[in-house]
Amino acid sequence: YGAMGDSPRDAVERAATAAHALDFIRALPQGFD
């Protein structure tokens, strides 16, 4: 978000993994989108 809006997708996925959110996000029909 905000100043980190240009972060690459792999950085977003690493943040989701650290928050234990990656599995449920990937299970959604549109994933991170």
PDB file of all heavy atoms in Angstrom:
ATOM      1  N   TYR A   1       0.818  -1.200   0.000  1.00  0.00           N
ATOM      2  CA  TYR A   1       0.000   0.000   0.000  1.00  0.00           C
ATOM      3  C   TYR A   1       0.859   1.261   0.000  1.00  0.00           C
ATOM      4  O   TYR A   1       1.939   1.300   0.580  1.00  0.00           O
ATOM      5  CB  TYR A   1      -0.904  -0.004   1.236  1.00  0.00           C
ATOM      6  CG  TYR A   1      -1.761   1.229   1.349  1.00  0.00           C
ATOM      7  CD1 TYR A   1      -2.858   1.394   0.521  1.00  0.00           C
ATOM      8  CD2 TYR A   1      -1.440   2.252   2.240  1.00  0.00           C
ATOM      9  CE1 TYR A   1      -3.638   2.534   0.589  1.00  0.00           C
ATOM     10  CE2 TYR A   1      -2.207   3.403   2.309  1.00  0.00           C
ATOM     11  CZ  TYR A   1      -3.307   3.539   1.491  1.00  0.00           C
ATOM     12  OH  TYR A   1      -4.073   4.668   1.540  1.00  0.00           O
ATOM     13  N   GLY A   2       0.326   2.318  -0.642  1.00  0.00           N
ATOM     14  CA  GLY A   2       0.952   3.634  -0.561  1.00  0.00           C
ATOM     15  C   GLY A   2       2.335   3.662  -1.188  1.00  0.00           C
ATOM     16  O   GLY A   2       2.524   3.353  -2.367  1.00  0.00           O
ATOM     17  N   ALA A   3       3.333   4.014  -0.359  1.00  0.00           N
ATOM     18  CA  ALA A   3       4.712   4.147  -0.848  1.00  0.00           C
ATOM     19  C   ALA A   3       5.265   2.824  -1.344  1.00  0.00           C
ATOM     20  O   ALA A   3       6.233   2.790  -2.103  1.00  0.00           O
ATOM     21  CB  ALA A   3       5.607   4.707   0.257  1.00  0.00           C
ATOM     22  N   MET A   4       4.661   1.701  -0.906  1.00  0.00           N
ATOM     23  CA  MET A   4       5.133   0.366  -1.336  1.00  0.00           C
ATOM     24  C   MET A   4       4.301  -0.165  -2.498  1.00  0.00           C
ATOM     25  O   MET A   4       4.341  -1.352  -2.811  1.00  0.00           O
ATOM     26  CB  MET A   4       5.062  -0.605  -0.161  1.00  0.00           C
ATOM     27  CG  MET A   4       5.990  -0.219   0.988  1.00  0.00           C
ATOM     28  SD  MET A   4       5.765  -1.259   2.445  1.00  0.00           S
ATOM     29  CE  MET A   4       4.185  -0.698   3.049  1.00  0.00           C
ATOM     30  N   GLY A   5       3.526   0.723  -3.139  1.00  0.00           N
ATOM     31  CA  GLY A   5       2.624   0.284  -4.199  1.00  0.00           C
ATOM     32  C   GLY A   5       3.319  -0.308  -5.406  1.00  0.00           C
ATOM     33  O   GLY A   5       2.722  -1.084  -6.145  1.00  0.00           O
ATOM     34  N   ASP A   6       4.592   0.031  -5.616  1.00  0.00           N
ATOM     35  CA  ASP A   6       5.333  -0.504  -6.769  1.00  0.00           C
ATOM     36  C   ASP A   6       6.103  -1.772  -6.438  1.00  0.00           C
ATOM     37  O   ASP A   6       6.923  -2.233  -7.233  1.00  0.00           O
ATOM     38  CB  ASP A   6       6.305   0.558  -7.292  1.00  0.00           C
ATOM     39  CG  ASP A   6       5.578   1.766  -7.856  1.00  0.00           C
ATOM     40  OD1 ASP A   6       4.481   1.586  -8.419  1.00  0.00           O
ATOM     41  OD2 ASP A   6       6.110   2.897  -7.719  1.00  0.00           O
ATOM     42  N   SER A   7       5.864  -2.343  -5.262  1.00  0.00           N
ATOM     43  CA  SER A   7       6.589  -3.562  -4.869  1.00  0.00           C
ATOM     44  C   SER A   7       6.269  -4.706  -5.823  1.00  0.00           C
ATOM     45  O   SER A   7       5.126  -4.857  -6.260  1.00  0.00           O
ATOM     46  CB  SER A   7       6.207  -3.981  -3.447  1.00  0.00           C
ATOM     47  OG  SER A   7       6.503  -2.944  -2.532  1.00  0.00           O
ATOM     48  N   PRO A   8       7.271  -5.530  -6.156  1.00  0.00           N
ATOM     49  CA  PRO A   8       7.026  -6.665  -7.052  1.00  0.00           C
ATOM     50  C   PRO A   8       6.120  -7.707  -6.383  1.00  0.00           C
ATOM     51  O   PRO A   8       6.014  -7.753  -5.163  1.00  0.00           O
ATOM     52  CB  PRO A   8       8.430  -7.222  -7.314  1.00  0.00           C
ATOM     53  CG  PRO A   8       9.249  -6.760  -6.160  1.00  0.00           C
ATOM     54  CD  PRO A   8       8.689  -5.453  -5.747  1.00  0.00           C
ATOM     55  N   ARG A   9       5.502  -8.567  -7.194  1.00  0.00           N
ATOM     56  CA  ARG A   9       4.553  -9.548  -6.681  1.00  0.00           C
ATOM     57  C   ARG A   9       5.216 -10.538  -5.723  1.00  0.00           C
ATOM     58  O   ARG A   9       4.593 -10.948  -4.734  1.00  0.00           O
ATOM     59  CB  ARG A   9       3.891 -10.297  -7.846  1.00  0.00           C
ATOM     60  CG  ARG A   9       2.872 -11.364  -7.450  1.00  0.00           C
ATOM     61  CD  ARG A   9       1.776 -10.845  -6.518  1.00  0.00           C
ATOM     62  NE  ARG A   9       0.968  -9.835  -7.113  1.00  0.00           N
ATOM     63  CZ  ARG A   9      -0.160 -10.071  -7.801  1.00  0.00           C
ATOM     64  NH1 ARG A   9      -0.596 -11.301  -7.953  1.00  0.00           N
ATOM     65  NH2 ARG A   9      -0.857  -9.065  -8.304  1.00  0.00           N
ATOM     66  N   ASP A  10       6.493 -10.900  -5.967  1.00  0.00           N
ATOM     67  CA  ASP A  10       7.133 -11.867  -5.058  1.00  0.00           C
ATOM     68  C   ASP A  10       7.311 -11.266  -3.665  1.00  0.00           C
ATOM     69  O   ASP A  10       7.228 -11.978  -2.652  1.00  0.00           O
ATOM     70  CB  ASP A  10       8.476 -12.353  -5.628  1.00  0.00           C
ATOM     71  CG  ASP A  10       9.469 -11.207  -5.828  1.00  0.00           C
ATOM     72  OD1 ASP A  10       9.022 -10.042  -5.906  1.00  0.00           O
ATOM     73  OD2 ASP A  10      10.678 -11.483  -5.896  1.00  0.00           O
ATOM     74  N   ALA A  11       7.516  -9.939  -3.564  1.00  0.00           N
ATOM     75  CA  ALA A  11       7.615  -9.291  -2.258  1.00  0.00           C
ATOM     76  C   ALA A  11       6.258  -9.313  -1.554  1.00  0.00           C
ATOM     77  O   ALA A  11       6.178  -9.512  -0.331  1.00  0.00           O
ATOM     78  CB  ALA A  11       8.105  -7.854  -2.411  1.00  0.00           C
ATOM     79  N   VAL A  12       5.189  -9.135  -2.328  1.00  0.00           N
ATOM     80  CA  VAL A  12       3.836  -9.198  -1.767  1.00  0.00           C
ATOM     81  C   VAL A  12       3.565 -10.611  -1.231  1.00  0.00           C
ATOM     82  O   VAL A  12       3.007 -10.786  -0.141  1.00  0.00           O
ATOM     83  CB  VAL A  12       2.792  -8.815  -2.833  1.00  0.00           C
ATOM     84  CG1 VAL A  12       1.374  -9.035  -2.321  1.00  0.00           C
ATOM     85  CG2 VAL A  12       2.976  -7.365  -3.264  1.00  0.00           C
ATOM     86  N   GLU A  13       3.971 -11.612  -1.995  1.00  0.00           N
ATOM     87  CA  GLU A  13       3.742 -12.999  -1.572  1.00  0.00           C
ATOM     88  C   GLU A  13       4.563 -13.343  -0.331  1.00  0.00           C
ATOM     89  O   GLU A  13       4.097 -14.088   0.533  1.00  0.00           O
ATOM     90  CB  GLU A  13       4.083 -13.950  -2.727  1.00  0.00           C
ATOM     91  CG  GLU A  13       3.100 -13.855  -3.886  1.00  0.00           C
ATOM     92  CD  GLU A  13       3.401 -14.863  -4.989  1.00  0.00           C
ATOM     93  OE1 GLU A  13       4.345 -15.672  -4.806  1.00  0.00           O
ATOM     94  OE2 GLU A  13       2.701 -14.833  -6.020  1.00  0.00           O
ATOM     95  N   ARG A  14       5.796 -12.797  -0.226  1.00  0.00           N
ATOM     96  CA  ARG A  14       6.609 -13.054   0.979  1.00  0.00           C
ATOM     97  C   ARG A  14       5.938 -12.448   2.213  1.00  0.00           C
ATOM     98  O   ARG A  14       5.925 -13.052   3.292  1.00  0.00           O
ATOM     99  CB  ARG A  14       8.007 -12.461   0.796  1.00  0.00           C
ATOM    100  CG  ARG A  14       8.930 -13.269  -0.108  1.00  0.00           C
ATOM    101  CD  ARG A  14      10.405 -12.915   0.098  1.00  0.00           C
ATOM    102  NE  ARG A  14      10.666 -11.499  -0.131  1.00  0.00           N
ATOM    103  CZ  ARG A  14      10.937 -10.971  -1.334  1.00  0.00           C
ATOM    104  NH1 ARG A  14      10.964 -11.759  -2.408  1.00  0.00           N
ATOM    105  NH2 ARG A  14      11.174  -9.678  -1.473  1.00  0.00           N
ATOM    106  N   ALA A  15       5.345 -11.245   2.046  1.00  0.00           N
ATOM    107  CA  ALA A  15       4.638 -10.611   3.165  1.00  0.00           C
ATOM    108  C   ALA A  15       3.425 -11.443   3.572  1.00  0.00           C
ATOM    109  O   ALA A  15       3.146 -11.626   4.770  1.00  0.00           O
ATOM    110  CB  ALA A  15       4.208  -9.204   2.781  1.00  0.00           C
ATOM    111  N   ALA A  16       2.705 -11.980   2.580  1.00  0.00           N
ATOM    112  CA  ALA A  16       1.534 -12.813   2.870  1.00  0.00           C
ATOM    113  C   ALA A  16       1.935 -14.103   3.572  1.00  0.00           C
ATOM    114  O   ALA A  16       1.244 -14.576   4.481  1.00  0.00           O
ATOM    115  CB  ALA A  16       0.792 -13.126   1.568  1.00  0.00           C
ATOM    116  N   THR A  17       3.088 -14.663   3.172  1.00  0.00           N
ATOM    117  CA  THR A  17       3.586 -15.877   3.825  1.00  0.00           C
ATOM    118  C   THR A  17       3.925 -15.604   5.286  1.00  0.00           C
ATOM    119  O   THR A  17       3.586 -16.399   6.179  1.00  0.00           O
ATOM    120  CB  THR A  17       4.829 -16.404   3.083  1.00  0.00           C
ATOM    121  OG1 THR A  17       4.498 -16.640   1.704  1.00  0.00           O
ATOM    122  CG2 THR A  17       5.327 -17.696   3.709  1.00  0.00           C
ATOM    123  N   ALA A  18       4.564 -14.471   5.550  1.00  0.00           N
ATOM    124  CA  ALA A  18       4.934 -14.118   6.924  1.00  0.00           C
ATOM    125  C   ALA A  18       3.709 -13.892   7.798  1.00  0.00           C
ATOM    126  O   ALA A  18       3.749 -14.119   9.016  1.00  0.00           O
ATOM    127  CB  ALA A  18       5.806 -12.862   6.915  1.00  0.00           C
ATOM    128  N   ALA A  19       2.603 -13.469   7.170  1.00  0.00           N
ATOM    129  CA  ALA A  19       1.357 -13.231   7.923  1.00  0.00           C
ATOM    130  C   ALA A  19       0.471 -14.467   7.958  1.00  0.00           C
ATOM    131  O   ALA A  19      -0.660 -14.398   8.439  1.00  0.00           O
ATOM    132  CB  ALA A  19       0.595 -12.072   7.292  1.00  0.00           C
ATOM    133  N   HIS A  20       0.990 -15.615   7.457  1.00  0.00           N
ATOM    134  CA  HIS A  20       0.226 -16.874   7.402  1.00  0.00           C
ATOM    135  C   HIS A  20      -1.073 -16.709   6.601  1.00  0.00           C
ATOM    136  O   HIS A  20      -2.109 -17.264   6.963  1.00  0.00           O
ATOM    137  CB  HIS A  20      -0.089 -17.376   8.813  1.00  0.00           C
ATOM    138  CG  HIS A  20       1.142 -17.580   9.657  1.00  0.00           C
ATOM    139  ND1 HIS A  20       2.018 -18.642   9.463  1.00  0.00           N
ATOM    140  CD2 HIS A  20       1.648 -16.838  10.680  1.00  0.00           C
ATOM    141  CE1 HIS A  20       3.024 -18.543  10.332  1.00  0.00           C
ATOM    142  NE2 HIS A  20       2.817 -17.456  11.089  1.00  0.00           N
ATOM    143  N   ALA A  21      -1.023 -15.898   5.563  1.00  0.00           N
ATOM    144  CA  ALA A  21      -2.219 -15.626   4.759  1.00  0.00           C
ATOM    145  C   ALA A  21      -2.118 -16.173   3.340  1.00  0.00           C
ATOM    146  O   ALA A  21      -3.085 -16.103   2.583  1.00  0.00           O
ATOM    147  CB  ALA A  21      -2.469 -14.119   4.701  1.00  0.00           C
ATOM    148  N   LEU A  22      -0.950 -16.708   2.978  1.00  0.00           N
ATOM    149  CA  LEU A  22      -0.714 -17.090   1.585  1.00  0.00           C
ATOM    150  C   LEU A  22      -1.663 -18.193   1.116  1.00  0.00           C
ATOM    151  O   LEU A  22      -2.195 -18.137   0.009  1.00  0.00           O
ATOM    152  CB  LEU A  22       0.738 -17.538   1.401  1.00  0.00           C
ATOM    153  CG  LEU A  22       1.163 -17.835  -0.046  1.00  0.00           C
ATOM    154  CD1 LEU A  22       1.066 -16.575  -0.906  1.00  0.00           C
ATOM    155  CD2 LEU A  22       2.584 -18.385  -0.089  1.00  0.00           C
ATOM    156  N   ASP A  23      -1.901 -19.192   1.977  1.00  0.00           N
ATOM    157  CA  ASP A  23      -2.718 -20.336   1.559  1.00  0.00           C
ATOM    158  C   ASP A  23      -4.149 -19.926   1.235  1.00  0.00           C
ATOM    159  O   ASP A  23      -4.695 -20.312   0.191  1.00  0.00           O
ATOM    160  CB  ASP A  23      -2.718 -21.414   2.653  1.00  0.00           C
ATOM    161  CG  ASP A  23      -1.345 -22.081   2.788  1.00  0.00           C
ATOM    162  OD1 ASP A  23      -0.569 -22.032   1.803  1.00  0.00           O
ATOM    163  OD2 ASP A  23      -1.065 -22.642   3.858  1.00  0.00           O
ATOM    164  N   PHE A  24      -4.766 -19.142   2.119  1.00  0.00           N
ATOM    165  CA  PHE A  24      -6.163 -18.789   1.852  1.00  0.00           C
ATOM    166  C   PHE A  24      -6.281 -17.809   0.688  1.00  0.00           C
ATOM    167  O   PHE A  24      -7.278 -17.812  -0.041  1.00  0.00           O
ATOM    168  CB  PHE A  24      -6.855 -18.267   3.120  1.00  0.00           C
ATOM    169  CG  PHE A  24      -6.884 -16.770   3.280  1.00  0.00           C
ATOM    170  CD1 PHE A  24      -7.839 -15.991   2.638  1.00  0.00           C
ATOM    171  CD2 PHE A  24      -5.945 -16.131   4.084  1.00  0.00           C
ATOM    172  CE1 PHE A  24      -7.869 -14.623   2.797  1.00  0.00           C
ATOM    173  CE2 PHE A  24      -5.972 -14.757   4.240  1.00  0.00           C
ATOM    174  CZ  PHE A  24      -6.939 -13.997   3.584  1.00  0.00           C
ATOM    175  N   ILE A  25      -5.245 -16.969   0.489  1.00  0.00           N
ATOM    176  CA  ILE A  25      -5.282 -16.030  -0.641  1.00  0.00           C
ATOM    177  C   ILE A  25      -5.213 -16.793  -1.955  1.00  0.00           C
ATOM    178  O   ILE A  25      -5.963 -16.513  -2.897  1.00  0.00           O
ATOM    179  CB  ILE A  25      -4.129 -15.012  -0.544  1.00  0.00           C
ATOM    180  CG1 ILE A  25      -4.331 -14.075   0.650  1.00  0.00           C
ATOM    181  CG2 ILE A  25      -4.022 -14.182  -1.824  1.00  0.00           C
ATOM    182  CD1 ILE A  25      -3.152 -13.174   0.961  1.00  0.00           C
ATOM    183  N   ARG A  26      -4.315 -17.783  -2.019  1.00  0.00           N
ATOM    184  CA  ARG A  26      -4.174 -18.571  -3.255  1.00  0.00           C
ATOM    185  C   ARG A  26      -5.421 -19.406  -3.534  1.00  0.00           C
ATOM    186  O   ARG A  26      -5.704 -19.742  -4.695  1.00  0.00           O
ATOM    187  CB  ARG A  26      -2.951 -19.481  -3.145  1.00  0.00           C
ATOM    188  CG  ARG A  26      -1.643 -18.719  -3.395  1.00  0.00           C
ATOM    189  CD  ARG A  26      -0.447 -19.641  -3.315  1.00  0.00           C
ATOM    190  NE  ARG A  26       0.776 -18.974  -3.761  1.00  0.00           N
ATOM    191  CZ  ARG A  26       1.988 -19.468  -3.583  1.00  0.00           C
ATOM    192  NH1 ARG A  26       2.162 -20.637  -2.958  1.00  0.00           N
ATOM    193  NH2 ARG A  26       3.052 -18.811  -4.021  1.00  0.00           N
ATOM    194  N   ALA A  27      -6.186 -19.718  -2.486  1.00  0.00           N
ATOM    195  CA  ALA A  27      -7.394 -20.527  -2.669  1.00  0.00           C
ATOM    196  C   ALA A  27      -8.558 -19.716  -3.245  1.00  0.00           C
ATOM    197  O   ALA A  27      -9.531 -20.286  -3.732  1.00  0.00           O
ATOM    198  CB  ALA A  27      -7.818 -21.147  -1.330  1.00  0.00           C
ATOM    199  N   LEU A  28      -8.453 -18.397  -3.193  1.00  0.00           N
ATOM    200  CA  LEU A  28      -9.515 -17.538  -3.736  1.00  0.00           C
ATOM    201  C   LEU A  28      -9.500 -17.577  -5.267  1.00  0.00           C
ATOM    202  O   LEU A  28      -8.437 -17.769  -5.863  1.00  0.00           O
ATOM    203  CB  LEU A  28      -9.326 -16.092  -3.253  1.00  0.00           C
ATOM    204  CG  LEU A  28      -9.506 -15.868  -1.746  1.00  0.00           C
ATOM    205  CD1 LEU A  28      -9.063 -14.457  -1.359  1.00  0.00           C
ATOM    206  CD2 LEU A  28     -10.958 -16.080  -1.340  1.00  0.00           C
ATOM    207  N   PRO A  29     -10.644 -17.415  -5.899  1.00  0.00           N
ATOM    208  CA  PRO A  29     -10.724 -17.521  -7.370  1.00  0.00           C
ATOM    209  C   PRO A  29      -9.767 -16.583  -8.107  1.00  0.00           C
ATOM    210  O   PRO A  29      -9.169 -16.966  -9.111  1.00  0.00           O
ATOM    211  CB  PRO A  29     -12.186 -17.157  -7.673  1.00  0.00           C
ATOM    212  CG  PRO A  29     -12.918 -17.453  -6.404  1.00  0.00           C
ATOM    213  CD  PRO A  29     -11.960 -17.187  -5.292  1.00  0.00           C
ATOM    214  N   GLN A  30      -9.570 -15.371  -7.610  1.00  0.00           N
ATOM    215  CA  GLN A  30      -8.693 -14.406  -8.274  1.00  0.00           C
ATOM    216  C   GLN A  30      -7.393 -14.165  -7.507  1.00  0.00           C
ATOM    217  O   GLN A  30      -6.634 -13.253  -7.853  1.00  0.00           O
ATOM    218  CB  GLN A  30      -9.440 -13.079  -8.456  1.00  0.00           C
ATOM    219  CG  GLN A  30     -10.609 -13.187  -9.436  1.00  0.00           C
ATOM    220  CD  GLN A  30     -11.429 -11.920  -9.461  1.00  0.00           C
ATOM    221  OE1 GLN A  30     -12.129 -11.609  -8.507  1.00  0.00           O
ATOM    222  NE2 GLN A  30     -11.342 -11.181 -10.559  1.00  0.00           N
ATOM    223  N   GLY A  31      -7.162 -14.957  -6.476  1.00  0.00           N
ATOM    224  CA  GLY A  31      -5.912 -14.859  -5.733  1.00  0.00           C
ATOM    225  C   GLY A  31      -5.665 -13.471  -5.176  1.00  0.00           C
ATOM    226  O   GLY A  31      -6.547 -12.858  -4.576  1.00  0.00           O
ATOM    227  N   PHE A  32      -4.441 -12.956  -5.416  1.00  0.00           N
ATOM    228  CA  PHE A  32      -4.065 -11.640  -4.904  1.00  0.00           C
ATOM    229  C   PHE A  32      -4.847 -10.508  -5.568  1.00  0.00           C
ATOM    230  O   PHE A  32      -4.863  -9.377  -5.069  1.00  0.00           O
ATOM    231  CB  PHE A  32      -2.556 -11.408  -5.096  1.00  0.00           C
ATOM    232  CG  PHE A  32      -1.705 -12.099  -4.070  1.00  0.00           C
ATOM    233  CD1 PHE A  32      -1.258 -13.393  -4.278  1.00  0.00           C
ATOM    234  CD2 PHE A  32      -1.369 -11.451  -2.892  1.00  0.00           C
ATOM    235  CE1 PHE A  32      -0.483 -14.038  -3.327  1.00  0.00           C
ATOM    236  CE2 PHE A  32      -0.591 -12.083  -1.945  1.00  0.00           C
ATOM    237  CZ  PHE A  32      -0.145 -13.392  -2.155  1.00  0.00           C
ATOM    238  N   ASP A  33      -5.502 -10.780  -6.700  1.00  0.00           N
ATOM    239  CA  ASP A  33      -6.289  -9.762  -7.390  1.00  0.00           C
ATOM    240  C   ASP A  33      -7.747  -9.736  -6.949  1.00  0.00           C
ATOM    241  O   ASP A  33      -8.575  -9.039  -7.540  1.00  0.00           O
ATOM    242  CB  ASP A  33      -6.221  -9.983  -8.901  1.00  0.00           C
ATOM    243  CG  ASP A  33      -4.809  -9.807  -9.431  1.00  0.00           C
ATOM    244  OD1 ASP A  33      -4.116  -8.869  -8.976  1.00  0.00           O
ATOM    245  OD2 ASP A  33      -4.391 -10.608 -10.283  1.00  0.00           O
TER     246      ASP A  33
END
